[in-house]
Amino acid sequence: GYDPESPSSNSIADLLLAKRRELGLTQRVAARNLGIDPCTWSSWECGGTIMKHDYRRQIASFLGIAEETVIESMKKQWNERHGR
């Protein structure tokens, strides 16, 4: 159960990476399981904003966290990147 590369923060990007590794999935397989392009998954793991509501819901389910947590995180991230 020890993960030598545990998430350095509670950001959605870090949580996605940690959960994917925990499950032993590649980005390609994780993306396919959610029905998205692997480049999109990669972008999210690098801190990209998850814009579509359906994807936010799927990511919350994948991570086992409240959908509102993902929504608020993405809202904050978008506002910070756009000077709001």
C-alpha atoms as a PDB file:
ATOM      1  CA  GLY A   1       0.000   0.000   0.000  1.00  0.00           C
ATOM      2  CA  TYR A   2       2.985   2.362   0.204  1.00  0.00           C
ATOM      3  CA  ASP A   3       3.242   4.785  -2.695  1.00  0.00           C
ATOM      4  CA  PRO A   4       6.727   6.300  -2.952  1.00  0.00           C
ATOM      5  CA  GLU A   5       5.339   8.966  -5.246  1.00  0.00           C
ATOM      6  CA  SER A   6       2.294  10.010  -3.244  1.00  0.00           C
ATOM      7  CA  PRO A   7       0.622  13.239  -4.371  1.00  0.00           C
ATOM      8  CA  SER A   8       2.499  16.367  -3.375  1.00  0.00           C
ATOM      9  CA  SER A   9      -0.748  18.310  -3.157  1.00  0.00           C
ATOM     10  CA  ASN A  10      -4.479  17.786  -3.253  1.00  0.00           C
ATOM     11  CA  SER A  11      -4.822  19.310  -6.706  1.00  0.00           C
ATOM     12  CA  ILE A  12      -7.063  17.457  -9.116  1.00  0.00           C
ATOM     13  CA  ALA A  13      -4.046  16.910 -11.388  1.00  0.00           C
ATOM     14  CA  ASP A  14      -2.036  15.242  -8.606  1.00  0.00           C
ATOM     15  CA  LEU A  15      -5.015  13.192  -7.487  1.00  0.00           C
ATOM     16  CA  LEU A  16      -5.612  11.982 -11.052  1.00  0.00           C
ATOM     17  CA  LEU A  17      -2.011  10.902 -11.442  1.00  0.00           C
ATOM     18  CA  ALA A  18      -1.962   9.149  -8.068  1.00  0.00           C
ATOM     19  CA  LYS A  19      -5.260   7.320  -8.657  1.00  0.00           C
ATOM     20  CA  ARG A  20      -4.243   6.219 -12.150  1.00  0.00           C
ATOM     21  CA  ARG A  21      -0.946   4.850 -10.826  1.00  0.00           C
ATOM     22  CA  GLU A  22      -2.727   3.174  -7.905  1.00  0.00           C
ATOM     23  CA  LEU A  23      -4.914   1.330 -10.404  1.00  0.00           C
ATOM     24  CA  GLY A  24      -1.948   0.477 -12.620  1.00  0.00           C
ATOM     25  CA  LEU A  25      -3.419   2.224 -15.669  1.00  0.00           C
ATOM     26  CA  THR A  26      -1.664   4.000 -18.492  1.00  0.00           C
ATOM     27  CA  GLN A  27      -2.966   7.398 -19.537  1.00  0.00           C
ATOM     28  CA  ARG A  28      -4.299   5.796 -22.708  1.00  0.00           C
ATOM     29  CA  VAL A  29      -6.315   3.164 -20.817  1.00  0.00           C
ATOM     30  CA  ALA A  30      -7.597   5.642 -18.218  1.00  0.00           C
ATOM     31  CA  ALA A  31      -8.688   7.993 -21.000  1.00  0.00           C
ATOM     32  CA  ARG A  32     -10.373   5.200 -22.938  1.00  0.00           C
ATOM     33  CA  ASN A  33     -12.279   4.150 -19.790  1.00  0.00           C
ATOM     34  CA  LEU A  34     -13.713   7.674 -19.564  1.00  0.00           C
ATOM     35  CA  GLY A  35     -14.290   7.979 -23.309  1.00  0.00           C
ATOM     36  CA  ILE A  36     -11.842  10.833 -23.832  1.00  0.00           C
ATOM     37  CA  ASP A  37      -8.731  11.419 -25.904  1.00  0.00           C
ATOM     38  CA  PRO A  38      -5.450  10.436 -24.185  1.00  0.00           C
ATOM     39  CA  CYS A  39      -4.077  13.936 -24.878  1.00  0.00           C
ATOM     40  CA  THR A  40      -6.974  15.368 -22.876  1.00  0.00           C
ATOM     41  CA  TRP A  41      -6.170  13.089 -19.943  1.00  0.00           C
ATOM     42  CA  SER A  42      -2.501  14.084 -20.162  1.00  0.00           C
ATOM     43  CA  SER A  43      -3.481  17.745 -20.129  1.00  0.00           C
ATOM     44  CA  TRP A  44      -5.553  17.248 -16.980  1.00  0.00           C
ATOM     45  CA  GLU A  45      -2.670  15.468 -15.232  1.00  0.00           C
ATOM     46  CA  CYS A  46      -0.478  18.456 -16.112  1.00  0.00           C
ATOM     47  CA  GLY A  47      -2.937  20.860 -14.497  1.00  0.00           C
ATOM     48  CA  GLY A  48      -5.257  21.634 -17.396  1.00  0.00           C
ATOM     49  CA  THR A  49      -8.782  22.805 -16.638  1.00  0.00           C
ATOM     50  CA  ILE A  50     -11.593  20.293 -17.020  1.00  0.00           C
ATOM     51  CA  MET A  51     -14.188  22.413 -18.789  1.00  0.00           C
ATOM     52  CA  LYS A  52     -17.091  20.060 -19.540  1.00  0.00           C
ATOM     53  CA  HIS A  53     -19.482  19.359 -16.714  1.00  0.00           C
ATOM     54  CA  ASP A  54     -19.875  15.697 -17.713  1.00  0.00           C
ATOM     55  CA  TYR A  55     -16.108  15.205 -17.521  1.00  0.00           C
ATOM     56  CA  ARG A  56     -15.995  16.867 -14.112  1.00  0.00           C
ATOM     57  CA  ARG A  57     -18.642  14.438 -12.909  1.00  0.00           C
ATOM     58  CA  GLN A  58     -16.732  11.458 -14.333  1.00  0.00           C
ATOM     59  CA  ILE A  59     -13.467  12.619 -12.750  1.00  0.00           C
ATOM     60  CA  ALA A  60     -15.146  13.079  -9.365  1.00  0.00           C
ATOM     61  CA  SER A  61     -16.481   9.532  -9.606  1.00  0.00           C
ATOM     62  CA  PHE A  62     -13.082   8.184 -10.716  1.00  0.00           C
ATOM     63  CA  LEU A  63     -11.373   9.899  -7.778  1.00  0.00           C
ATOM     64  CA  GLY A  64     -14.112   9.047  -5.287  1.00  0.00           C
ATOM     65  CA  ILE A  65     -14.626  12.679  -4.290  1.00  0.00           C
ATOM     66  CA  ALA A  66     -17.587  15.033  -4.341  1.00  0.00           C
ATOM     67  CA  GLU A  67     -18.415  16.527  -7.720  1.00  0.00           C
ATOM     68  CA  GLU A  68     -18.571  19.944  -6.055  1.00  0.00           C
ATOM     69  CA  THR A  69     -14.909  19.574  -5.084  1.00  0.00           C
ATOM     70  CA  VAL A  70     -13.915  19.185  -8.732  1.00  0.00           C
ATOM     71  CA  ILE A  71     -16.197  22.017  -9.832  1.00  0.00           C
ATOM     72  CA  GLU A  72     -14.816  24.436  -7.240  1.00  0.00           C
ATOM     73  CA  SER A  73     -11.232  23.440  -7.992  1.00  0.00           C
ATOM     74  CA  MET A  74     -11.692  23.981 -11.718  1.00  0.00           C
ATOM     75  CA  LYS A  75     -13.479  27.295 -11.136  1.00  0.00           C
ATOM     76  CA  LYS A  76     -10.644  28.532  -8.927  1.00  0.00           C
ATOM     77  CA  GLN A  77      -8.020  27.313 -11.387  1.00  0.00           C
ATOM     78  CA  TRP A  78      -9.710  29.026 -14.343  1.00  0.00           C
ATOM     79  CA  ASN A  79     -10.120  32.297 -12.435  1.00  0.00           C
ATOM     80  CA  GLU A  80      -6.466  32.326 -11.353  1.00  0.00           C
ATOM     81  CA  ARG A  81      -5.279  31.727 -14.896  1.00  0.00           C
ATOM     82  CA  HIS A  82      -7.483  34.473 -16.273  1.00  0.00           C
ATOM     83  CA  GLY A  83      -6.744  37.116 -13.668  1.00  0.00           C
ATOM     84  CA  ARG A  84     -10.083  36.989 -11.904  1.00  0.00           C
END
